[in-house]
């Protein structure tokens, strides 16, 4: 018969990175499992397989399904990351409800922090480009035609393990808490890249307008204050988010219908038709 038992591996910590429902929280808390064949008397014991669990999106509009899968086996430069935290991006929710498409079935999750044997706790960079094409050489890895993306083109982090193609996509976390660090892989990196590219426009006396004071917008406000001398104005219909923006360093916060200033750089971190129209209206000539 089969004997299944949990291994005390330290498990997954849960926090403000978010989880997809109670089932996902439950399966992550279950940690590691192995199944082995208990031999008959006088016969040698044989290990049959090691199991991990994954939350799988099989079809849009349906709940994620928990699956037992064999442990991932790395080949060559590949590394297996034991997932400690996985952020829930809005794009994950859009894939679940069918608003955006992708190849299914799929393990979602691209904001991943975990542990790698021989390295320690890491953040997984979620754009797995080849590093050799024209775009990669210009630092535009997300445009690489050979790039793979966890949670989109390959299985991601809503599982106990994820297979990463090369150590160069693993960033040691040092003293950072993996639960708090996981969203940095997308929600942190995306606005940082935007702010960094806009710095030539953000001189003293310039105004930077941040449309959307949610997760990405809150990162953008902090980057703008840390890296530029611009006046930062946050725009969001939610009063609590406007208050939060001010607490993070925005000089001013306004609702979308307020009288808004023109800006040298407008960061639209919502991406709706309405906010894109507003961004075009408010950016100054020769602005960004």
C-alpha atoms as a PDB file:
ATOM      1  CA  UNK A   1       0.000   0.000   0.000  1.00  0.00           C
ATOM      2  CA  UNK A   2       1.014   3.635  -0.251  1.00  0.00           C
ATOM      3  CA  UNK A   3       2.162   5.702   2.690  1.00  0.00           C
ATOM      4  CA  UNK A   4       1.931   9.501   2.359  1.00  0.00           C
ATOM      5  CA  UNK A   5       3.497  11.819   4.929  1.00  0.00           C
ATOM      6  CA  UNK A   6       4.397  15.521   5.187  1.00  0.00           C
ATOM      7  CA  UNK A   7       8.010  16.620   5.376  1.00  0.00           C
ATOM      8  CA  UNK A   8       8.749  19.532   7.782  1.00  0.00           C
ATOM      9  CA  UNK A   9      10.432  21.758   5.221  1.00  0.00           C
ATOM     10  CA  UNK A  10       9.547  25.137   6.747  1.00  0.00           C
ATOM     11  CA  UNK A  11       6.621  25.587   4.436  1.00  0.00           C
ATOM     12  CA  UNK A  12       5.178  28.700   2.890  1.00  0.00           C
ATOM     13  CA  UNK A  13       4.550  31.937   4.691  1.00  0.00           C
ATOM     14  CA  UNK A  14       1.493  33.910   3.762  1.00  0.00           C
ATOM     15  CA  UNK A  15       0.966  37.634   4.093  1.00  0.00           C
ATOM     16  CA  UNK A  16       0.167  40.738   2.131  1.00  0.00           C
ATOM     17  CA  UNK A  17       1.351  39.277  -1.186  1.00  0.00           C
ATOM     18  CA  UNK A  18      -2.134  37.710  -1.520  1.00  0.00           C
ATOM     19  CA  UNK A  19      -3.467  34.272  -2.349  1.00  0.00           C
ATOM     20  CA  UNK A  20      -6.173  32.982  -4.675  1.00  0.00           C
ATOM     21  CA  UNK A  21      -8.843  31.884  -2.232  1.00  0.00           C
ATOM     22  CA  UNK A  22      -8.823  29.645   0.795  1.00  0.00           C
ATOM     23  CA  UNK A  23      -8.041  26.515  -1.227  1.00  0.00           C
ATOM     24  CA  UNK A  24      -4.742  27.966  -2.418  1.00  0.00           C
ATOM     25  CA  UNK A  25      -3.820  29.079   1.101  1.00  0.00           C
ATOM     26  CA  UNK A  26      -4.680  25.609   2.355  1.00  0.00           C
ATOM     27  CA  UNK A  27      -2.580  23.763  -0.208  1.00  0.00           C
ATOM     28  CA  UNK A  28       0.410  26.040   0.311  1.00  0.00           C
ATOM     29  CA  UNK A  29       0.160  25.446   4.066  1.00  0.00           C
ATOM     30  CA  UNK A  30       0.240  21.686   3.432  1.00  0.00           C
ATOM     31  CA  UNK A  31       3.921  22.018   2.418  1.00  0.00           C
ATOM     32  CA  UNK A  32       5.837  19.027   1.013  1.00  0.00           C
ATOM     33  CA  UNK A  33       4.536  15.515   0.453  1.00  0.00           C
ATOM     34  CA  UNK A  34       6.109  12.260  -0.644  1.00  0.00           C
ATOM     35  CA  UNK A  35       4.535   8.968  -1.614  1.00  0.00           C
ATOM     36  CA  UNK A  36       6.428   5.733  -1.225  1.00  0.00           C
ATOM     37  CA  UNK A  37       5.546   2.127  -1.741  1.00  0.00           C
ATOM     38  CA  UNK A  38       5.500   0.184   1.528  1.00  0.00           C
ATOM     39  CA  UNK A  39       7.062  -3.178   0.627  1.00  0.00           C
ATOM     40  CA  UNK A  40       5.728  -6.568   1.493  1.00  0.00           C
ATOM     41  CA  UNK A  41       7.723  -8.532   4.062  1.00  0.00           C
ATOM     42  CA  UNK A  42      11.140  -9.547   2.781  1.00  0.00           C
ATOM     43  CA  UNK A  43      10.981  -7.347  -0.324  1.00  0.00           C
ATOM     44  CA  UNK A  44      13.152  -4.230  -0.841  1.00  0.00           C
ATOM     45  CA  UNK A  45      11.587  -0.824  -0.243  1.00  0.00           C
ATOM     46  CA  UNK A  46      11.182   1.298  -3.387  1.00  0.00           C
ATOM     47  CA  UNK A  47      10.542   5.054  -3.508  1.00  0.00           C
ATOM     48  CA  UNK A  48       7.975   5.639  -6.247  1.00  0.00           C
ATOM     49  CA  UNK A  49       7.739   9.418  -6.547  1.00  0.00           C
ATOM     50  CA  UNK A  50       7.851  12.731  -4.731  1.00  0.00           C
ATOM     51  CA  UNK A  51       4.809  14.950  -5.047  1.00  0.00           C
ATOM     52  CA  UNK A  52       4.191  18.656  -5.045  1.00  0.00           C
ATOM     53  CA  UNK A  53       0.928  20.515  -5.387  1.00  0.00           C
ATOM     54  CA  UNK A  54      -0.041  23.181  -7.891  1.00  0.00           C
ATOM     55  CA  UNK A  55      -3.103  25.405  -8.387  1.00  0.00           C
ATOM     56  CA  UNK A  56      -3.957  25.039 -12.072  1.00  0.00           C
ATOM     57  CA  UNK A  57      -6.177  27.149 -14.321  1.00  0.00           C
ATOM     58  CA  UNK A  58      -7.691  24.673 -16.758  1.00  0.00           C
ATOM     59  CA  UNK A  59     -10.248  26.938 -18.427  1.00  0.00           C
ATOM     60  CA  UNK A  60     -11.248  30.604 -18.084  1.00  0.00           C
ATOM     61  CA  UNK A  61     -14.064  31.385 -15.709  1.00  0.00           C
ATOM     62  CA  UNK A  62     -13.434  28.243 -13.667  1.00  0.00           C
ATOM     63  CA  UNK A  63     -11.860  27.965 -10.206  1.00  0.00           C
ATOM     64  CA  UNK A  64      -8.237  26.948  -9.929  1.00  0.00           C
ATOM     65  CA  UNK A  65      -7.855  23.199  -9.494  1.00  0.00           C
ATOM     66  CA  UNK A  66      -5.390  21.675  -7.042  1.00  0.00           C
ATOM     67  CA  UNK A  67      -3.249  18.995  -8.674  1.00  0.00           C
ATOM     68  CA  UNK A  68      -0.645  16.637  -7.264  1.00  0.00           C
ATOM     69  CA  UNK A  69       2.366  16.637  -9.565  1.00  0.00           C
ATOM     70  CA  UNK A  70       5.755  15.012  -9.511  1.00  0.00           C
ATOM     71  CA  UNK A  71       8.619  17.074  -8.127  1.00  0.00           C
ATOM     72  CA  UNK A  72      10.322  19.185 -10.770  1.00  0.00           C
ATOM     73  CA  UNK A  73      13.650  17.826 -11.989  1.00  0.00           C
ATOM     74  CA  UNK A  74      16.195  20.397 -13.234  1.00  0.00           C
ATOM     75  CA  UNK A  75      18.318  19.735 -16.309  1.00  0.00           C
ATOM     76  CA  UNK A  76      21.542  21.569 -17.106  1.00  0.00           C
ATOM     77  CA  UNK A  77      21.454  25.171 -15.881  1.00  0.00           C
ATOM     78  CA  UNK A  78      17.857  24.930 -14.645  1.00  0.00           C
ATOM     79  CA  UNK A  79      17.094  25.512 -10.978  1.00  0.00           C
ATOM     80  CA  UNK A  80      14.113  24.441  -8.892  1.00  0.00           C
ATOM     81  CA  UNK A  81      12.741  27.180  -6.634  1.00  0.00           C
ATOM     82  CA  UNK A  82      10.794  26.070  -3.566  1.00  0.00           C
ATOM     83  CA  UNK A  83       8.080  28.715  -3.497  1.00  0.00           C
ATOM     84  CA  UNK A  84       7.774  30.674  -0.261  1.00  0.00           C
ATOM     85  CA  UNK A  85       5.493  33.438  -1.540  1.00  0.00           C
ATOM     86  CA  UNK A  86       3.611  34.255  -4.740  1.00  0.00           C
ATOM     87  CA  UNK A  87       1.987  37.615  -5.390  1.00  0.00           C
ATOM     88  CA  UNK A  88      -1.393  37.817  -7.078  1.00  0.00           C
ATOM     89  CA  UNK A  89      -1.238  40.298  -9.950  1.00  0.00           C
ATOM     90  CA  UNK A  90      -4.381  41.705 -11.532  1.00  0.00           C
ATOM     91  CA  UNK A  91      -3.344  40.003 -14.765  1.00  0.00           C
ATOM     92  CA  UNK A  92      -3.656  36.660 -12.940  1.00  0.00           C
ATOM     93  CA  UNK A  93      -7.236  37.550 -12.062  1.00  0.00           C
ATOM     94  CA  UNK A  94      -7.895  38.642 -15.653  1.00  0.00           C
ATOM     95  CA  UNK A  95      -6.623  35.277 -16.916  1.00  0.00           C
ATOM     96  CA  UNK A  96      -8.834  33.461 -14.437  1.00  0.00           C
ATOM     97  CA  UNK A  97     -11.966  35.368 -15.495  1.00  0.00           C
ATOM     98  CA  UNK A  98     -11.060  35.140 -19.202  1.00  0.00           C
ATOM     99  CA  UNK A  99     -10.555  38.872 -19.801  1.00  0.00           C
ATOM    100  CA  UNK A 100      -7.119  38.121 -21.237  1.00  0.00           C
ATOM    101  CA  UNK A 101      -6.134  34.886 -22.917  1.00  0.00           C
ATOM    102  CA  UNK A 102      -3.196  32.573 -22.678  1.00  0.00           C
ATOM    103  CA  UNK A 103      -2.266  28.942 -23.287  1.00  0.00           C
ATOM    104  CA  UNK A 104      -4.112  26.607 -20.884  1.00  0.00           C
ATOM    105  CA  UNK A 105      -3.916  24.631 -18.748  1.00  0.00           C
ATOM    106  CA  UNK A 106      -1.437  26.715 -16.776  1.00  0.00           C
ATOM    107  CA  UNK A 107      -0.052  27.304 -13.298  1.00  0.00           C
ATOM    108  CA  UNK A 108      -0.349  31.075 -12.908  1.00  0.00           C
ATOM    109  CA  UNK A 109       1.829  33.400 -10.862  1.00  0.00           C
ATOM    110  CA  UNK A 110       4.779  35.525 -11.951  1.00  0.00           C
ATOM    111  CA  UNK A 111       5.605  37.360  -8.710  1.00  0.00           C
ATOM    112  CA  UNK A 112       7.650  34.636  -7.049  1.00  0.00           C
ATOM    113  CA  UNK A 113       9.985  34.455  -4.080  1.00  0.00           C
ATOM    114  CA  UNK A 114      11.429  31.222  -2.803  1.00  0.00           C
ATOM    115  CA  UNK A 115      14.396  29.157  -1.751  1.00  0.00           C
ATOM    116  CA  UNK A 116      17.006  27.557  -4.017  1.00  0.00           C
ATOM    117  CA  UNK A 117      19.416  24.958  -2.772  1.00  0.00           C
ATOM    118  CA  UNK A 118      22.931  26.361  -2.694  1.00  0.00           C
ATOM    119  CA  UNK A 119      21.760  29.971  -3.098  1.00  0.00           C
ATOM    120  CA  UNK A 120      19.204  30.671  -0.382  1.00  0.00           C
ATOM    121  CA  UNK A 121      16.118  32.867  -0.588  1.00  0.00           C
ATOM    122  CA  UNK A 122      15.638  34.521  -3.965  1.00  0.00           C
ATOM    123  CA  UNK A 123      13.333  36.691  -6.030  1.00  0.00           C
ATOM    124  CA  UNK A 124      12.546  35.255  -9.474  1.00  0.00           C
ATOM    125  CA  UNK A 125      12.909  37.703 -12.346  1.00  0.00           C
ATOM    126  CA  UNK A 126       9.880  36.839 -14.515  1.00  0.00           C
ATOM    127  CA  UNK A 127      11.130  37.640 -18.026  1.00  0.00           C
ATOM    128  CA  UNK A 128      13.175  34.662 -19.149  1.00  0.00           C
ATOM    129  CA  UNK A 129      14.858  36.099 -22.240  1.00  0.00           C
ATOM    130  CA  UNK A 130      17.728  34.452 -24.117  1.00  0.00           C
ATOM    131  CA  UNK A 131      20.108  37.349 -23.378  1.00  0.00           C
ATOM    132  CA  UNK A 132      21.585  37.368 -26.882  1.00  0.00           C
ATOM    133  CA  UNK A 133      19.117  39.084 -29.238  1.00  0.00           C
ATOM    134  CA  UNK A 134      19.146  42.761 -30.252  1.00  0.00           C
ATOM    135  CA  UNK A 135      16.470  43.640 -27.698  1.00  0.00           C
ATOM    136  CA  UNK A 136      18.248  41.861 -24.848  1.00  0.00           C
ATOM    137  CA  UNK A 137      21.486  43.694 -25.639  1.00  0.00           C
ATOM    138  CA  UNK A 138      19.559  46.981 -25.340  1.00  0.00           C
ATOM    139  CA  UNK A 139      18.055  46.005 -21.996  1.00  0.00           C
ATOM    140  CA  UNK A 140      14.621  45.325 -23.526  1.00  0.00           C
ATOM    141  CA  UNK A 141      14.324  41.702 -22.448  1.00  0.00           C
ATOM    142  CA  UNK A 142      10.524  41.832 -22.451  1.00  0.00           C
ATOM    143  CA  UNK A 143      10.646  42.221 -26.261  1.00  0.00           C
ATOM    144  CA  UNK A 144      12.868  39.187 -26.806  1.00  0.00           C
ATOM    145  CA  UNK A 145      11.121  36.879 -29.306  1.00  0.00           C
ATOM    146  CA  UNK A 146      12.468  33.840 -27.450  1.00  0.00           C
ATOM    147  CA  UNK A 147      11.415  34.992 -23.972  1.00  0.00           C
ATOM    148  CA  UNK A 148       9.298  32.797 -21.724  1.00  0.00           C
ATOM    149  CA  UNK A 149       7.151  34.151 -18.904  1.00  0.00           C
ATOM    150  CA  UNK A 150       6.204  32.140 -15.810  1.00  0.00           C
ATOM    151  CA  UNK A 151       2.471  32.020 -15.266  1.00  0.00           C
ATOM    152  CA  UNK A 152       1.843  32.856 -18.899  1.00  0.00           C
ATOM    153  CA  UNK A 153       3.826  30.787 -21.422  1.00  0.00           C
ATOM    154  CA  UNK A 154       5.196  28.330 -18.853  1.00  0.00           C
ATOM    155  CA  UNK A 155       4.036  27.253 -15.406  1.00  0.00           C
ATOM    156  CA  UNK A 156       4.476  29.829 -12.658  1.00  0.00           C
ATOM    157  CA  UNK A 157       4.502  30.251  -8.927  1.00  0.00           C
ATOM    158  CA  UNK A 158       1.047  29.172  -7.715  1.00  0.00           C
ATOM    159  CA  UNK A 159       2.670  25.883  -6.778  1.00  0.00           C
ATOM    160  CA  UNK A 160       5.112  24.513  -4.272  1.00  0.00           C
ATOM    161  CA  UNK A 161       7.908  24.523  -6.863  1.00  0.00           C
ATOM    162  CA  UNK A 162       8.755  26.392 -10.045  1.00  0.00           C
ATOM    163  CA  UNK A 163      11.414  25.514 -12.616  1.00  0.00           C
ATOM    164  CA  UNK A 164      13.647  28.442 -13.608  1.00  0.00           C
ATOM    165  CA  UNK A 165      15.799  28.071 -16.743  1.00  0.00           C
ATOM    166  CA  UNK A 166      18.997  29.717 -15.457  1.00  0.00           C
ATOM    167  CA  UNK A 167      20.458  31.155 -12.238  1.00  0.00           C
ATOM    168  CA  UNK A 168      20.731  34.603 -13.843  1.00  0.00           C
ATOM    169  CA  UNK A 169      16.981  34.981 -13.237  1.00  0.00           C
ATOM    170  CA  UNK A 170      17.433  34.494  -9.481  1.00  0.00           C
ATOM    171  CA  UNK A 171      18.154  37.531  -7.304  1.00  0.00           C
ATOM    172  CA  UNK A 172      19.311  36.779  -3.732  1.00  0.00           C
ATOM    173  CA  UNK A 173      16.992  38.453  -1.218  1.00  0.00           C
ATOM    174  CA  UNK A 174      19.448  38.906   1.621  1.00  0.00           C
ATOM    175  CA  UNK A 175      17.499  40.176   4.636  1.00  0.00           C
ATOM    176  CA  UNK A 176      14.269  40.891   2.706  1.00  0.00           C
ATOM    177  CA  UNK A 177      11.150  38.970   3.757  1.00  0.00           C
ATOM    178  CA  UNK A 178      10.116  36.749   0.799  1.00  0.00           C
ATOM    179  CA  UNK A 179       6.433  37.475   1.434  1.00  0.00           C
ATOM    180  CA  UNK A 180       6.955  41.216   1.163  1.00  0.00           C
ATOM    181  CA  UNK A 181       9.505  40.897  -1.636  1.00  0.00           C
ATOM    182  CA  UNK A 182       7.500  38.695  -4.044  1.00  0.00           C
ATOM    183  CA  UNK A 183       5.451  41.567  -5.606  1.00  0.00           C
ATOM    184  CA  UNK A 184       8.692  43.399  -6.426  1.00  0.00           C
ATOM    185  CA  UNK A 185       9.111  41.025  -9.378  1.00  0.00           C
ATOM    186  CA  UNK A 186       6.366  42.884 -11.258  1.00  0.00           C
ATOM    187  CA  UNK A 187       4.581  45.548  -9.210  1.00  0.00           C
ATOM    188  CA  UNK A 188       7.966  46.876  -8.096  1.00  0.00           C
ATOM    189  CA  UNK A 189      10.012  46.505 -11.283  1.00  0.00           C
ATOM    190  CA  UNK A 190       7.423  47.862 -13.755  1.00  0.00           C
ATOM    191  CA  UNK A 191       7.078  51.398 -12.331  1.00  0.00           C
ATOM    192  CA  UNK A 192      10.796  51.517 -11.519  1.00  0.00           C
ATOM    193  CA  UNK A 193      11.625  51.004 -15.183  1.00  0.00           C
ATOM    194  CA  UNK A 194       9.141  53.692 -16.204  1.00  0.00           C
ATOM    195  CA  UNK A 195      10.468  56.226 -13.700  1.00  0.00           C
ATOM    196  CA  UNK A 196      14.096  55.500 -14.578  1.00  0.00           C
ATOM    197  CA  UNK A 197      13.471  56.091 -18.287  1.00  0.00           C
ATOM    198  CA  UNK A 198      11.620  59.355 -17.530  1.00  0.00           C
ATOM    199  CA  UNK A 199      14.344  60.889 -15.347  1.00  0.00           C
ATOM    200  CA  UNK A 200      15.644  63.281 -18.077  1.00  0.00           C
ATOM    201  CA  UNK A 201      12.200  64.950 -18.047  1.00  0.00           C
ATOM    202  CA  UNK A 202      11.970  65.111 -14.247  1.00  0.00           C
ATOM    203  CA  UNK A 203      14.189  68.068 -13.431  1.00  0.00           C
ATOM    204  CA  UNK A 204      13.582  70.585 -10.651  1.00  0.00           C
ATOM    205  CA  UNK A 205      10.334  72.457 -11.274  1.00  0.00           C
ATOM    206  CA  UNK A 206       8.831  69.676 -13.400  1.00  0.00           C
ATOM    207  CA  UNK A 207       5.599  67.925 -12.500  1.00  0.00           C
ATOM    208  CA  UNK A 208       5.120  64.146 -12.588  1.00  0.00           C
ATOM    209  CA  UNK A 209       1.537  62.928 -12.719  1.00  0.00           C
ATOM    210  CA  UNK A 210       0.807  59.409 -11.458  1.00  0.00           C
ATOM    211  CA  UNK A 211      -2.583  58.131 -12.624  1.00  0.00           C
ATOM    212  CA  UNK A 212      -3.659  55.287 -10.386  1.00  0.00           C
ATOM    213  CA  UNK A 213      -2.520  55.025  -6.764  1.00  0.00           C
ATOM    214  CA  UNK A 214      -2.884  51.274  -6.419  1.00  0.00           C
ATOM    215  CA  UNK A 215       0.009  48.858  -6.019  1.00  0.00           C
ATOM    216  CA  UNK A 216       2.079  50.031  -9.006  1.00  0.00           C
ATOM    217  CA  UNK A 217       1.224  53.672  -8.466  1.00  0.00           C
ATOM    218  CA  UNK A 218       2.355  53.549  -4.857  1.00  0.00           C
ATOM    219  CA  UNK A 219       5.722  52.165  -5.937  1.00  0.00           C
ATOM    220  CA  UNK A 220       5.971  54.857  -8.647  1.00  0.00           C
ATOM    221  CA  UNK A 221       5.366  57.650  -6.127  1.00  0.00           C
ATOM    222  CA  UNK A 222       8.188  56.398  -3.907  1.00  0.00           C
ATOM    223  CA  UNK A 223      10.600  55.998  -6.836  1.00  0.00           C
ATOM    224  CA  UNK A 224       9.800  59.495  -8.063  1.00  0.00           C
ATOM    225  CA  UNK A 225      10.525  60.986  -4.662  1.00  0.00           C
ATOM    226  CA  UNK A 226      13.727  58.991  -4.261  1.00  0.00           C
ATOM    227  CA  UNK A 227      15.142  59.512  -7.750  1.00  0.00           C
ATOM    228  CA  UNK A 228      13.867  62.874  -9.002  1.00  0.00           C
ATOM    229  CA  UNK A 229      13.322  66.485  -8.019  1.00  0.00           C
ATOM    230  CA  UNK A 230       9.887  66.632  -9.650  1.00  0.00           C
ATOM    231  CA  UNK A 231       6.638  67.596  -7.953  1.00  0.00           C
ATOM    232  CA  UNK A 232       4.574  64.405  -7.691  1.00  0.00           C
ATOM    233  CA  UNK A 233       0.787  64.524  -8.092  1.00  0.00           C
ATOM    234  CA  UNK A 234      -1.235  61.337  -7.635  1.00  0.00           C
ATOM    235  CA  UNK A 235      -4.629  60.869  -9.306  1.00  0.00           C
ATOM    236  CA  UNK A 236      -7.122  58.278  -8.088  1.00  0.00           C
ATOM    237  CA  UNK A 237     -10.913  58.160  -7.578  1.00  0.00           C
ATOM    238  CA  UNK A 238     -10.460  56.465  -4.179  1.00  0.00           C
ATOM    239  CA  UNK A 239     -10.048  58.797  -1.218  1.00  0.00           C
ATOM    240  CA  UNK A 240      -8.217  56.152   0.881  1.00  0.00           C
ATOM    241  CA  UNK A 241      -5.744  55.634  -1.962  1.00  0.00           C
ATOM    242  CA  UNK A 242      -5.222  59.380  -2.268  1.00  0.00           C
ATOM    243  CA  UNK A 243      -4.462  59.544   1.443  1.00  0.00           C
ATOM    244  CA  UNK A 244      -2.083  56.629   1.042  1.00  0.00           C
ATOM    245  CA  UNK A 245      -0.348  58.406  -1.853  1.00  0.00           C
ATOM    246  CA  UNK A 246       0.238  61.458   0.323  1.00  0.00           C
ATOM    247  CA  UNK A 247       1.611  59.304   3.128  1.00  0.00           C
ATOM    248  CA  UNK A 248       4.111  57.779   0.658  1.00  0.00           C
ATOM    249  CA  UNK A 249       5.427  61.166  -0.388  1.00  0.00           C
ATOM    250  CA  UNK A 250       3.163  62.580  -3.108  1.00  0.00           C
ATOM    251  CA  UNK A 251       3.091  66.361  -2.936  1.00  0.00           C
ATOM    252  CA  UNK A 252      -0.584  66.429  -3.891  1.00  0.00           C
ATOM    253  CA  UNK A 253      -3.409  63.995  -4.613  1.00  0.00           C
ATOM    254  CA  UNK A 254      -6.520  64.599  -6.686  1.00  0.00           C
ATOM    255  CA  UNK A 255      -9.573  62.856  -8.106  1.00  0.00           C
ATOM    256  CA  UNK A 256      -9.758  62.289 -11.900  1.00  0.00           C
ATOM    257  CA  UNK A 257     -12.381  65.040 -12.303  1.00  0.00           C
ATOM    258  CA  UNK A 258     -10.402  67.688 -10.447  1.00  0.00           C
ATOM    259  CA  UNK A 259      -8.542  70.519 -12.133  1.00  0.00           C
ATOM    260  CA  UNK A 260      -5.259  68.752 -12.845  1.00  0.00           C
ATOM    261  CA  UNK A 261      -1.933  70.312 -13.867  1.00  0.00           C
ATOM    262  CA  UNK A 262      -0.152  69.497 -17.068  1.00  0.00           C
ATOM    263  CA  UNK A 263       2.981  67.452 -16.532  1.00  0.00           C
ATOM    264  CA  UNK A 264       6.391  66.816 -18.028  1.00  0.00           C
ATOM    265  CA  UNK A 265       5.779  63.106 -17.493  1.00  0.00           C
ATOM    266  CA  UNK A 266       2.514  61.247 -17.003  1.00  0.00           C
ATOM    267  CA  UNK A 267       2.583  57.700 -15.643  1.00  0.00           C
ATOM    268  CA  UNK A 268      -0.649  55.853 -16.439  1.00  0.00           C
ATOM    269  CA  UNK A 269      -0.672  52.835 -14.132  1.00  0.00           C
ATOM    270  CA  UNK A 270      -4.288  51.936 -14.862  1.00  0.00           C
ATOM    271  CA  UNK A 271      -4.229  51.546 -18.648  1.00  0.00           C
ATOM    272  CA  UNK A 272      -7.928  52.019 -19.370  1.00  0.00           C
ATOM    273  CA  UNK A 273      -9.232  53.960 -22.359  1.00  0.00           C
ATOM    274  CA  UNK A 274     -10.296  56.779 -20.031  1.00  0.00           C
ATOM    275  CA  UNK A 275      -6.937  57.101 -18.265  1.00  0.00           C
ATOM    276  CA  UNK A 276      -5.003  56.924 -21.530  1.00  0.00           C
ATOM    277  CA  UNK A 277      -7.117  59.791 -22.918  1.00  0.00           C
ATOM    278  CA  UNK A 278      -6.480  61.752 -19.733  1.00  0.00           C
ATOM    279  CA  UNK A 279      -2.737  61.114 -19.953  1.00  0.00           C
ATOM    280  CA  UNK A 280      -2.580  62.375 -23.544  1.00  0.00           C
ATOM    281  CA  UNK A 281      -4.545  65.483 -22.553  1.00  0.00           C
ATOM    282  CA  UNK A 282      -2.307  66.341 -19.595  1.00  0.00           C
ATOM    283  CA  UNK A 283       1.194  65.645 -20.930  1.00  0.00           C
ATOM    284  CA  UNK A 284       3.031  68.821 -21.939  1.00  0.00           C
ATOM    285  CA  UNK A 285       4.514  69.337 -25.428  1.00  0.00           C
ATOM    286  CA  UNK A 286       7.768  67.356 -25.720  1.00  0.00           C
ATOM    287  CA  UNK A 287       6.788  65.546 -22.542  1.00  0.00           C
ATOM    288  CA  UNK A 288       6.602  61.843 -21.870  1.00  0.00           C
END
